mmCIF file of all heavy atoms, coordinates in Angstrom:
data_MODEL
# 
_entry.id   MODEL 
# 
loop_
_atom_site.group_PDB 
_atom_site.id 
_atom_site.type_symbol 
_atom_site.label_atom_id 
_atom_site.label_alt_id 
_atom_site.label_comp_id 
_atom_site.label_asym_id 
_atom_site.label_entity_id 
_atom_site.label_seq_id 
_atom_site.pdbx_PDB_ins_code 
_atom_site.Cartn_x 
_atom_site.Cartn_y 
_atom_site.Cartn_z 
_atom_site.occupancy 
_atom_site.B_iso_or_equiv 
_atom_site.pdbx_formal_charge 
_atom_site.auth_seq_id 
_atom_site.auth_comp_id 
_atom_site.auth_asym_id 
_atom_site.auth_atom_id 
_atom_site.pdbx_PDB_model_num 
ATOM 1   N N   . ILE A 1 1  ? 122.969 136.949 98.200  1.00 0.00 ? 1  ILE A N   1 
ATOM 2   C CA  . ILE A 1 1  ? 124.114 136.248 98.770  1.00 0.00 ? 1  ILE A CA  1 
ATOM 3   C C   . ILE A 1 1  ? 125.259 136.259 97.762  1.00 0.00 ? 1  ILE A C   1 
ATOM 4   O O   . ILE A 1 1  ? 125.046 136.049 96.571  1.00 0.00 ? 1  ILE A O   1 
ATOM 5   C CB  . ILE A 1 1  ? 123.747 134.779 99.081  1.00 0.00 ? 1  ILE A CB  1 
ATOM 6   C CG1 . ILE A 1 1  ? 122.566 134.681 100.050 1.00 0.00 ? 1  ILE A CG1 1 
ATOM 7   C CG2 . ILE A 1 1  ? 124.955 133.996 99.587  1.00 0.00 ? 1  ILE A CG2 1 
ATOM 8   C CD1 . ILE A 1 1  ? 122.863 135.044 101.459 1.00 0.00 ? 1  ILE A CD1 1 
ATOM 9   N N   . VAL A 1 2  ? 126.472 136.460 98.264  1.00 0.00 ? 2  VAL A N   1 
ATOM 10  C CA  . VAL A 1 2  ? 127.678 136.324 97.456  1.00 0.00 ? 2  VAL A CA  1 
ATOM 11  C C   . VAL A 1 2  ? 128.453 135.126 98.007  1.00 0.00 ? 2  VAL A C   1 
ATOM 12  O O   . VAL A 1 2  ? 128.716 135.047 99.213  1.00 0.00 ? 2  VAL A O   1 
ATOM 13  C CB  . VAL A 1 2  ? 128.553 137.591 97.512  1.00 0.00 ? 2  VAL A CB  1 
ATOM 14  C CG1 . VAL A 1 2  ? 129.860 137.372 96.761  1.00 0.00 ? 2  VAL A CG1 1 
ATOM 15  C CG2 . VAL A 1 2  ? 127.798 138.787 96.947  1.00 0.00 ? 2  VAL A CG2 1 
ATOM 16  N N   . LEU A 1 3  ? 128.812 134.187 97.119  1.00 0.00 ? 3  LEU A N   1 
ATOM 17  C CA  . LEU A 1 3  ? 129.611 133.015 97.467  1.00 0.00 ? 3  LEU A CA  1 
ATOM 18  C C   . LEU A 1 3  ? 130.982 133.179 96.822  1.00 0.00 ? 3  LEU A C   1 
ATOM 19  O O   . LEU A 1 3  ? 131.069 133.467 95.619  1.00 0.00 ? 3  LEU A O   1 
ATOM 20  C CB  . LEU A 1 3  ? 128.947 131.741 96.939  1.00 0.00 ? 3  LEU A CB  1 
ATOM 21  C CG  . LEU A 1 3  ? 127.510 131.501 97.366  1.00 0.00 ? 3  LEU A CG  1 
ATOM 22  C CD1 . LEU A 1 3  ? 126.897 130.392 96.548  1.00 0.00 ? 3  LEU A CD1 1 
ATOM 23  C CD2 . LEU A 1 3  ? 127.453 131.181 98.851  1.00 0.00 ? 3  LEU A CD2 1 
ATOM 24  N N   . GLU A 1 4  ? 132.057 132.989 97.624  1.00 0.00 ? 4  GLU A N   1 
ATOM 25  C CA  . GLU A 1 4  ? 133.411 133.162 97.092  1.00 0.00 ? 4  GLU A CA  1 
ATOM 26  C C   . GLU A 1 4  ? 134.316 132.032 97.572  1.00 0.00 ? 4  GLU A C   1 
ATOM 27  O O   . GLU A 1 4  ? 134.319 131.704 98.763  1.00 0.00 ? 4  GLU A O   1 
ATOM 28  C CB  . GLU A 1 4  ? 133.998 134.491 97.546  1.00 0.00 ? 4  GLU A CB  1 
ATOM 29  C CG  . GLU A 1 4  ? 133.245 135.687 97.011  1.00 0.00 ? 4  GLU A CG  1 
ATOM 30  C CD  . GLU A 1 4  ? 133.777 136.993 97.546  1.00 0.00 ? 4  GLU A CD  1 
ATOM 31  O OE1 . GLU A 1 4  ? 133.460 137.316 98.706  1.00 0.00 ? 4  GLU A OE1 1 
ATOM 32  O OE2 . GLU A 1 4  ? 134.514 137.670 96.806  1.00 0.00 ? 4  GLU A OE2 1 
ATOM 33  N N   . ILE A 1 5  ? 135.054 131.459 96.608  1.00 0.00 ? 5  ILE A N   1 
ATOM 34  C CA  . ILE A 1 5  ? 136.060 130.448 96.933  1.00 0.00 ? 5  ILE A CA  1 
ATOM 35  C C   . ILE A 1 5  ? 137.050 130.362 95.777  1.00 0.00 ? 5  ILE A C   1 
ATOM 36  O O   . ILE A 1 5  ? 136.664 130.423 94.605  1.00 0.00 ? 5  ILE A O   1 
ATOM 37  C CB  . ILE A 1 5  ? 135.415 129.076 97.229  1.00 0.00 ? 5  ILE A CB  1 
ATOM 38  C CG1 . ILE A 1 5  ? 136.442 128.115 97.797  1.00 0.00 ? 5  ILE A CG1 1 
ATOM 39  C CG2 . ILE A 1 5  ? 134.710 128.513 96.004  1.00 0.00 ? 5  ILE A CG2 1 
ATOM 40  C CD1 . ILE A 1 5  ? 135.849 126.843 98.395  1.00 0.00 ? 5  ILE A CD1 1 
ATOM 41  N N   . GLU A 1 6  ? 138.322 130.242 96.108  1.00 0.00 ? 6  GLU A N   1 
ATOM 42  C CA  . GLU A 1 6  ? 139.400 130.071 95.120  1.00 0.00 ? 6  GLU A CA  1 
ATOM 43  C C   . GLU A 1 6  ? 139.250 131.000 93.911  1.00 0.00 ? 6  GLU A C   1 
ATOM 44  O O   . GLU A 1 6  ? 139.242 130.567 92.763  1.00 0.00 ? 6  GLU A O   1 
ATOM 45  C CB  . GLU A 1 6  ? 139.480 128.616 94.665  1.00 0.00 ? 6  GLU A CB  1 
ATOM 46  C CG  . GLU A 1 6  ? 139.937 127.680 95.761  1.00 0.00 ? 6  GLU A CG  1 
ATOM 47  C CD  . GLU A 1 6  ? 140.210 126.269 95.281  1.00 0.00 ? 6  GLU A CD  1 
ATOM 48  O OE1 . GLU A 1 6  ? 140.091 125.976 94.080  1.00 0.00 ? 6  GLU A OE1 1 
ATOM 49  O OE2 . GLU A 1 6  ? 140.566 125.443 96.142  1.00 0.00 ? 6  GLU A OE2 1 
ATOM 50  N N   . ASN A 1 7  ? 139.139 132.291 94.179  1.00 0.00 ? 7  ASN A N   1 
ATOM 51  C CA  . ASN A 1 7  ? 139.028 133.331 93.146  1.00 0.00 ? 7  ASN A CA  1 
ATOM 52  C C   . ASN A 1 7  ? 137.801 133.184 92.246  1.00 0.00 ? 7  ASN A C   1 
ATOM 53  O O   . ASN A 1 7  ? 137.787 133.673 91.120  1.00 0.00 ? 7  ASN A O   1 
ATOM 54  C CB  . ASN A 1 7  ? 140.298 133.389 92.284  1.00 0.00 ? 7  ASN A CB  1 
ATOM 55  C CG  . ASN A 1 7  ? 141.502 133.803 93.091  1.00 0.00 ? 7  ASN A CG  1 
ATOM 56  O OD1 . ASN A 1 7  ? 141.418 134.704 93.926  1.00 0.00 ? 7  ASN A OD1 1 
ATOM 57  N ND2 . ASN A 1 7  ? 142.616 133.141 92.871  1.00 0.00 ? 7  ASN A ND2 1 
ATOM 58  N N   . GLN A 1 8  ? 136.778 132.502 92.739  1.00 0.00 ? 8  GLN A N   1 
ATOM 59  C CA  . GLN A 1 8  ? 135.507 132.398 92.039  1.00 0.00 ? 8  GLN A CA  1 
ATOM 60  C C   . GLN A 1 8  ? 134.459 133.118 92.880  1.00 0.00 ? 8  GLN A C   1 
ATOM 61  O O   . GLN A 1 8  ? 134.438 132.989 94.097  1.00 0.00 ? 8  GLN A O   1 
ATOM 62  C CB  . GLN A 1 8  ? 135.102 130.933 91.851  1.00 0.00 ? 8  GLN A CB  1 
ATOM 63  C CG  . GLN A 1 8  ? 136.099 130.136 91.038  1.00 0.00 ? 8  GLN A CG  1 
ATOM 64  C CD  . GLN A 1 8  ? 135.814 128.662 91.123  1.00 0.00 ? 8  GLN A CD  1 
ATOM 65  O OE1 . GLN A 1 8  ? 134.877 128.183 90.485  1.00 0.00 ? 8  GLN A OE1 1 
ATOM 66  N NE2 . GLN A 1 8  ? 136.608 127.952 91.916  1.00 0.00 ? 8  GLN A NE2 1 
ATOM 67  N N   . ARG A 1 9  ? 133.594 133.849 92.205  1.00 0.00 ? 9  ARG A N   1 
ATOM 68  C CA  . ARG A 1 9  ? 132.574 134.644 92.898  1.00 0.00 ? 9  ARG A CA  1 
ATOM 69  C C   . ARG A 1 9  ? 131.251 134.486 92.161  1.00 0.00 ? 9  ARG A C   1 
ATOM 70  O O   . ARG A 1 9  ? 131.190 134.690 90.943  1.00 0.00 ? 9  ARG A O   1 
ATOM 71  C CB  . ARG A 1 9  ? 132.986 136.111 92.898  1.00 0.00 ? 9  ARG A CB  1 
ATOM 72  C CG  . ARG A 1 9  ? 132.062 137.035 93.644  1.00 0.00 ? 9  ARG A CG  1 
ATOM 73  C CD  . ARG A 1 9  ? 132.601 138.467 93.551  1.00 0.00 ? 9  ARG A CD  1 
ATOM 74  N NE  . ARG A 1 9  ? 131.958 139.359 94.466  1.00 0.00 ? 9  ARG A NE  1 
ATOM 75  C CZ  . ARG A 1 9  ? 130.802 139.975 94.252  1.00 0.00 ? 9  ARG A CZ  1 
ATOM 76  N NH1 . ARG A 1 9  ? 130.167 139.791 93.111  1.00 0.00 ? 9  ARG A NH1 1 
ATOM 77  N NH2 . ARG A 1 9  ? 130.297 140.780 95.149  1.00 0.00 ? 9  ARG A NH2 1 
ATOM 78  N N   . ILE A 1 10 ? 130.208 134.126 92.899  1.00 0.00 ? 10 ILE A N   1 
ATOM 79  C CA  . ILE A 1 10 ? 128.876 133.958 92.322  1.00 0.00 ? 10 ILE A CA  1 
ATOM 80  C C   . ILE A 1 10 ? 127.868 134.644 93.235  1.00 0.00 ? 10 ILE A C   1 
ATOM 81  O O   . ILE A 1 10 ? 127.989 134.591 94.460  1.00 0.00 ? 10 ILE A O   1 
ATOM 82  C CB  . ILE A 1 10 ? 128.514 132.461 92.173  1.00 0.00 ? 10 ILE A CB  1 
ATOM 83  C CG1 . ILE A 1 10 ? 129.492 131.765 91.234  1.00 0.00 ? 10 ILE A CG1 1 
ATOM 84  C CG2 . ILE A 1 10 ? 127.094 132.296 91.660  1.00 0.00 ? 10 ILE A CG2 1 
ATOM 85  C CD1 . ILE A 1 10 ? 129.267 130.275 91.089  1.00 0.00 ? 10 ILE A CD1 1 
ATOM 86  N N   . GLU A 1 11 ? 126.869 135.285 92.644  1.00 0.00 ? 11 GLU A N   1 
ATOM 87  C CA  . GLU A 1 11 ? 125.800 135.949 93.398  1.00 0.00 ? 11 GLU A CA  1 
ATOM 88  C C   . GLU A 1 11 ? 124.462 135.289 93.126  1.00 0.00 ? 11 GLU A C   1 
ATOM 89  O O   . GLU A 1 11 ? 124.189 134.888 91.999  1.00 0.00 ? 11 GLU A O   1 
ATOM 90  C CB  . GLU A 1 11 ? 125.667 137.419 92.979  1.00 0.00 ? 11 GLU A CB  1 
ATOM 91  C CG  . GLU A 1 11 ? 126.834 138.279 93.305  1.00 0.00 ? 11 GLU A CG  1 
ATOM 92  C CD  . GLU A 1 11 ? 126.605 139.730 92.893  1.00 0.00 ? 11 GLU A CD  1 
ATOM 93  O OE1 . GLU A 1 11 ? 125.465 140.104 92.556  1.00 0.00 ? 11 GLU A OE1 1 
ATOM 94  O OE2 . GLU A 1 11 ? 127.587 140.485 92.910  1.00 0.00 ? 11 GLU A OE2 1 
ATOM 95  N N   . THR A 1 12 ? 123.618 135.241 94.149  1.00 0.00 ? 12 THR A N   1 
ATOM 96  C CA  . THR A 1 12 ? 122.229 134.846 93.947  1.00 0.00 ? 12 THR A CA  1 
ATOM 97  C C   . THR A 1 12 ? 121.476 136.029 93.354  1.00 0.00 ? 12 THR A C   1 
ATOM 98  O O   . THR A 1 12 ? 121.995 137.151 93.297  1.00 0.00 ? 12 THR A O   1 
ATOM 99  C CB  . THR A 1 12 ? 121.536 134.469 95.271  1.00 0.00 ? 12 THR A CB  1 
ATOM 100 O OG1 . THR A 1 12 ? 121.453 135.639 96.099  1.00 0.00 ? 12 THR A OG1 1 
ATOM 101 C CG2 . THR A 1 12 ? 122.259 133.341 95.993  1.00 0.00 ? 12 THR A CG2 1 
ATOM 102 N N   . ASN A 1 13 ? 120.251 135.817 92.965  1.00 0.00 ? 13 ASN A N   1 
ATOM 103 C CA  . ASN A 1 13 ? 119.354 136.918 92.623  1.00 0.00 ? 13 ASN A CA  1 
ATOM 104 C C   . ASN A 1 13 ? 119.003 137.643 93.912  1.00 0.00 ? 13 ASN A C   1 
ATOM 105 O O   . ASN A 1 13 ? 119.044 137.051 94.993  1.00 0.00 ? 13 ASN A O   1 
ATOM 106 C CB  . ASN A 1 13 ? 118.071 136.376 91.987  1.00 0.00 ? 13 ASN A CB  1 
ATOM 107 C CG  . ASN A 1 13 ? 118.338 135.754 90.639  1.00 0.00 ? 13 ASN A CG  1 
ATOM 108 O OD1 . ASN A 1 13 ? 119.003 136.341 89.802  1.00 0.00 ? 13 ASN A OD1 1 
ATOM 109 N ND2 . ASN A 1 13 ? 117.845 134.555 90.434  1.00 0.00 ? 13 ASN A ND2 1 
ATOM 110 N N   . TYR A 1 14 ? 118.653 138.901 93.816  1.00 0.00 ? 14 TYR A N   1 
ATOM 111 C CA  . TYR A 1 14 ? 118.229 139.589 95.030  1.00 0.00 ? 14 TYR A CA  1 
ATOM 112 C C   . TYR A 1 14 ? 116.715 139.455 95.178  1.00 0.00 ? 14 TYR A C   1 
ATOM 113 O O   . TYR A 1 14 ? 115.983 139.287 94.211  1.00 0.00 ? 14 TYR A O   1 
ATOM 114 C CB  . TYR A 1 14 ? 118.702 141.051 95.063  1.00 0.00 ? 14 TYR A CB  1 
ATOM 115 C CG  . TYR A 1 14 ? 117.845 142.041 94.314  1.00 0.00 ? 14 TYR A CG  1 
ATOM 116 C CD1 . TYR A 1 14 ? 116.860 142.757 94.978  1.00 0.00 ? 14 TYR A CD1 1 
ATOM 117 C CD2 . TYR A 1 14 ? 118.036 142.281 92.958  1.00 0.00 ? 14 TYR A CD2 1 
ATOM 118 C CE1 . TYR A 1 14 ? 116.080 143.674 94.305  1.00 0.00 ? 14 TYR A CE1 1 
ATOM 119 C CE2 . TYR A 1 14 ? 117.265 143.192 92.278  1.00 0.00 ? 14 TYR A CE2 1 
ATOM 120 C CZ  . TYR A 1 14 ? 116.282 143.885 92.954  1.00 0.00 ? 14 TYR A CZ  1 
ATOM 121 O OH  . TYR A 1 14 ? 115.499 144.788 92.291  1.00 0.00 ? 14 TYR A OH  1 
ATOM 122 N N   . LYS A 1 15 ? 116.277 139.479 96.437  1.00 0.00 ? 15 LYS A N   1 
ATOM 123 C CA  . LYS A 1 15 ? 114.856 139.361 96.755  1.00 0.00 ? 15 LYS A CA  1 
ATOM 124 C C   . LYS A 1 15 ? 114.373 140.689 97.317  1.00 0.00 ? 15 LYS A C   1 
ATOM 125 O O   . LYS A 1 15 ? 114.935 141.207 98.272  1.00 0.00 ? 15 LYS A O   1 
ATOM 126 C CB  . LYS A 1 15 ? 114.617 138.236 97.772  1.00 0.00 ? 15 LYS A CB  1 
ATOM 127 C CG  . LYS A 1 15 ? 115.076 136.870 97.282  1.00 0.00 ? 15 LYS A CG  1 
ATOM 128 C CD  . LYS A 1 15 ? 114.313 136.445 96.055  1.00 0.00 ? 15 LYS A CD  1 
ATOM 129 C CE  . LYS A 1 15 ? 114.766 135.097 95.550  1.00 0.00 ? 15 LYS A CE  1 
ATOM 130 N NZ  . LYS A 1 15 ? 114.011 134.633 94.417  1.00 0.00 ? 15 LYS A NZ  1 
ATOM 131 N N   . LYS A 1 16 ? 113.345 141.222 96.716  1.00 0.00 ? 16 LYS A N   1 
ATOM 132 C CA  . LYS A 1 16 ? 112.863 142.562 97.057  1.00 0.00 ? 16 LYS A CA  1 
ATOM 133 C C   . LYS A 1 16 ? 112.024 142.569 98.334  1.00 0.00 ? 16 LYS A C   1 
ATOM 134 O O   . LYS A 1 16 ? 111.150 141.727 98.516  1.00 0.00 ? 16 LYS A O   1 
ATOM 135 C CB  . LYS A 1 16 ? 112.042 143.122 95.899  1.00 0.00 ? 16 LYS A CB  1 
ATOM 136 C CG  . LYS A 1 16 ? 111.633 144.560 96.086  1.00 0.00 ? 16 LYS A CG  1 
ATOM 137 C CD  . LYS A 1 16 ? 111.610 145.291 94.769  1.00 0.00 ? 16 LYS A CD  1 
ATOM 138 C CE  . LYS A 1 16 ? 111.252 146.730 94.934  1.00 0.00 ? 16 LYS A CE  1 
ATOM 139 N NZ  . LYS A 1 16 ? 112.282 147.510 95.569  1.00 0.00 ? 16 LYS A NZ  1 
ATOM 140 N N   . SER A 1 17 ? 112.310 143.510 99.212  1.00 0.00 ? 17 SER A N   1 
ATOM 141 C CA  . SER A 1 17 ? 111.514 143.845 100.400 1.00 0.00 ? 17 SER A CA  1 
ATOM 142 C C   . SER A 1 17 ? 111.154 142.647 101.267 1.00 0.00 ? 17 SER A C   1 
ATOM 143 O O   . SER A 1 17 ? 109.984 142.364 101.515 1.00 0.00 ? 17 SER A O   1 
ATOM 144 C CB  . SER A 1 17 ? 110.227 144.573 99.976  1.00 0.00 ? 17 SER A CB  1 
ATOM 145 O OG  . SER A 1 17 ? 110.531 145.753 99.277  1.00 0.00 ? 17 SER A OG  1 
ATOM 146 N N   . THR A 1 18 ? 112.171 141.952 101.779 1.00 0.00 ? 18 THR A N   1 
ATOM 147 C CA  . THR A 1 18 ? 111.919 140.816 102.664 1.00 0.00 ? 18 THR A CA  1 
ATOM 148 C C   . THR A 1 18 ? 113.037 140.671 103.688 1.00 0.00 ? 18 THR A C   1 
ATOM 149 O O   . THR A 1 18 ? 114.188 141.024 103.421 1.00 0.00 ? 18 THR A O   1 
ATOM 150 C CB  . THR A 1 18 ? 111.764 139.494 101.873 1.00 0.00 ? 18 THR A CB  1 
ATOM 151 O OG1 . THR A 1 18 ? 111.485 138.437 102.792 1.00 0.00 ? 18 THR A OG1 1 
ATOM 152 C CG2 . THR A 1 18 ? 112.999 139.170 101.064 1.00 0.00 ? 18 THR A CG2 1 
ATOM 153 N N   . LEU A 1 19 ? 112.691 140.140 104.845 1.00 0.00 ? 19 LEU A N   1 
ATOM 154 C CA  . LEU A 1 19 ? 113.681 139.811 105.872 1.00 0.00 ? 19 LEU A CA  1 
ATOM 155 C C   . LEU A 1 19 ? 113.856 138.300 105.992 1.00 0.00 ? 19 LEU A C   1 
ATOM 156 O O   . LEU A 1 19 ? 114.677 137.825 106.780 1.00 0.00 ? 19 LEU A O   1 
ATOM 157 C CB  . LEU A 1 19 ? 113.261 140.402 107.225 1.00 0.00 ? 19 LEU A CB  1 
ATOM 158 C CG  . LEU A 1 19 ? 113.152 141.921 107.267 1.00 0.00 ? 19 LEU A CG  1 
ATOM 159 C CD1 . LEU A 1 19 ? 112.685 142.387 108.642 1.00 0.00 ? 19 LEU A CD1 1 
ATOM 160 C CD2 . LEU A 1 19 ? 114.469 142.582 106.887 1.00 0.00 ? 19 LEU A CD2 1 
ATOM 161 N N   . SER A 1 20 ? 113.065 137.538 105.230 1.00 0.00 ? 20 SER A N   1 
ATOM 162 C CA  . SER A 1 20 ? 113.159 136.066 105.216 1.00 0.00 ? 20 SER A CA  1 
ATOM 163 C C   . SER A 1 20 ? 113.110 135.570 103.772 1.00 0.00 ? 20 SER A C   1 
ATOM 164 O O   . SER A 1 20 ? 112.138 134.937 103.344 1.00 0.00 ? 20 SER A O   1 
ATOM 165 C CB  . SER A 1 20 ? 112.025 135.465 106.048 1.00 0.00 ? 20 SER A CB  1 
ATOM 166 O OG  . SER A 1 20 ? 112.158 135.831 107.405 1.00 0.00 ? 20 SER A OG  1 
ATOM 167 N N   . PRO A 1 21 ? 114.152 135.847 102.986 1.00 0.00 ? 21 PRO A N   1 
ATOM 168 C CA  . PRO A 1 21 ? 114.148 135.481 101.571 1.00 0.00 ? 21 PRO A CA  1 
ATOM 169 C C   . PRO A 1 21 ? 114.304 133.978 101.348 1.00 0.00 ? 21 PRO A C   1 
ATOM 170 O O   . PRO A 1 21 ? 114.923 133.282 102.144 1.00 0.00 ? 21 PRO A O   1 
ATOM 171 C CB  . PRO A 1 21 ? 115.360 136.227 101.020 1.00 0.00 ? 21 PRO A CB  1 
ATOM 172 C CG  . PRO A 1 21 ? 116.276 136.323 102.197 1.00 0.00 ? 21 PRO A CG  1 
ATOM 173 C CD  . PRO A 1 21 ? 115.385 136.512 103.388 1.00 0.00 ? 21 PRO A CD  1 
ATOM 174 N N   . VAL A 1 22 ? 113.736 133.499 100.251 1.00 0.00 ? 22 VAL A N   1 
ATOM 175 C CA  . VAL A 1 22 ? 113.908 132.118 99.793  1.00 0.00 ? 22 VAL A CA  1 
ATOM 176 C C   . VAL A 1 22 ? 114.499 132.184 98.393  1.00 0.00 ? 22 VAL A C   1 
ATOM 177 O O   . VAL A 1 22 ? 113.926 132.808 97.505  1.00 0.00 ? 22 VAL A O   1 
ATOM 178 C CB  . VAL A 1 22 ? 112.560 131.364 99.784  1.00 0.00 ? 22 VAL A CB  1 
ATOM 179 C CG1 . VAL A 1 22 ? 112.733 129.973 99.211  1.00 0.00 ? 22 VAL A CG1 1 
ATOM 180 C CG2 . VAL A 1 22 ? 111.962 131.301 101.189 1.00 0.00 ? 22 VAL A CG2 1 
ATOM 181 N N   . TRP A 1 23 ? 115.652 131.524 98.203  1.00 0.00 ? 23 TRP A N   1 
ATOM 182 C CA  . TRP A 1 23 ? 116.325 131.525 96.911  1.00 0.00 ? 23 TRP A CA  1 
ATOM 183 C C   . TRP A 1 23 ? 116.166 130.197 96.172  1.00 0.00 ? 23 TRP A C   1 
ATOM 184 O O   . TRP A 1 23 ? 115.846 130.181 95.002  1.00 0.00 ? 23 TRP A O   1 
ATOM 185 C CB  . TRP A 1 23 ? 117.817 131.836 97.068  1.00 0.00 ? 23 TRP A CB  1 
ATOM 186 C CG  . TRP A 1 23 ? 118.100 133.259 97.382  1.00 0.00 ? 23 TRP A CG  1 
ATOM 187 C CD1 . TRP A 1 23 ? 118.106 134.307 96.515  1.00 0.00 ? 23 TRP A CD1 1 
ATOM 188 C CD2 . TRP A 1 23 ? 118.410 133.812 98.661  1.00 0.00 ? 23 TRP A CD2 1 
ATOM 189 N NE1 . TRP A 1 23 ? 118.409 135.475 97.175  1.00 0.00 ? 23 TRP A NE1 1 
ATOM 190 C CE2 . TRP A 1 23 ? 118.603 135.197 98.494  1.00 0.00 ? 23 TRP A CE2 1 
ATOM 191 C CE3 . TRP A 1 23 ? 118.561 133.272 99.934  1.00 0.00 ? 23 TRP A CE3 1 
ATOM 192 C CZ2 . TRP A 1 23 ? 118.938 136.035 99.541  1.00 0.00 ? 23 TRP A CZ2 1 
ATOM 193 C CZ3 . TRP A 1 23 ? 118.892 134.111 100.974 1.00 0.00 ? 23 TRP A CZ3 1 
ATOM 194 C CH2 . TRP A 1 23 ? 119.077 135.478 100.781 1.00 0.00 ? 23 TRP A CH2 1 
ATOM 195 N N   . ASN A 1 24 ? 116.488 129.099 96.813  1.00 0.00 ? 24 ASN A N   1 
ATOM 196 C CA  . ASN A 1 24 ? 116.512 127.777 96.155  1.00 0.00 ? 24 ASN A CA  1 
ATOM 197 C C   . ASN A 1 24 ? 117.331 127.822 94.870  1.00 0.00 ? 24 ASN A C   1 
ATOM 198 O O   . ASN A 1 24 ? 116.870 127.404 93.805  1.00 0.00 ? 24 ASN A O   1 
ATOM 199 C CB  . ASN A 1 24 ? 115.101 127.260 95.894  1.00 0.00 ? 24 ASN A CB  1 
ATOM 200 C CG  . ASN A 1 24 ? 114.515 126.606 97.126  1.00 0.00 ? 24 ASN A CG  1 
ATOM 201 O OD1 . ASN A 1 24 ? 115.235 125.978 97.906  1.00 0.00 ? 24 ASN A OD1 1 
ATOM 202 N ND2 . ASN A 1 24 ? 113.225 126.765 97.318  1.00 0.00 ? 24 ASN A ND2 1 
ATOM 203 N N   . GLU A 1 25 ? 118.553 128.316 94.961  1.00 0.00 ? 25 GLU A N   1 
ATOM 204 C CA  . GLU A 1 25 ? 119.467 128.413 93.829  1.00 0.00 ? 25 GLU A CA  1 
ATOM 205 C C   . GLU A 1 25 ? 120.698 127.549 94.101  1.00 0.00 ? 25 GLU A C   1 
ATOM 206 O O   . GLU A 1 25 ? 121.201 127.514 95.220  1.00 0.00 ? 25 GLU A O   1 
ATOM 207 C CB  . GLU A 1 25 ? 119.905 129.861 93.608  1.00 0.00 ? 25 GLU A CB  1 
ATOM 208 C CG  . GLU A 1 25 ? 118.772 130.794 93.222  1.00 0.00 ? 25 GLU A CG  1 
ATOM 209 C CD  . GLU A 1 25 ? 119.245 132.223 93.007  1.00 0.00 ? 25 GLU A CD  1 
ATOM 210 O OE1 . GLU A 1 25 ? 120.348 132.428 92.455  1.00 0.00 ? 25 GLU A OE1 1 
ATOM 211 O OE2 . GLU A 1 25 ? 118.509 133.141 93.410  1.00 0.00 ? 25 GLU A OE2 1 
ATOM 212 N N   . SER A 1 26 ? 121.181 126.850 93.076  1.00 0.00 ? 26 SER A N   1 
ATOM 213 C CA  . SER A 1 26 ? 122.370 126.003 93.198  1.00 0.00 ? 26 SER A CA  1 
ATOM 214 C C   . SER A 1 26 ? 123.506 126.545 92.331  1.00 0.00 ? 26 SER A C   1 
ATOM 215 O O   . SER A 1 26 ? 123.264 127.049 91.230  1.00 0.00 ? 26 SER A O   1 
ATOM 216 C CB  . SER A 1 26 ? 122.055 124.575 92.768  1.00 0.00 ? 26 SER A CB  1 
ATOM 217 O OG  . SER A 1 26 ? 121.187 123.972 93.684  1.00 0.00 ? 26 SER A OG  1 
# 
């Protein structure tokens, strides 16, 4: 996932080989 707001951009880690990923990242 890429989150963008007010010229700030943050990415989650990527999850390998899944169609239902769980991140639990803040």
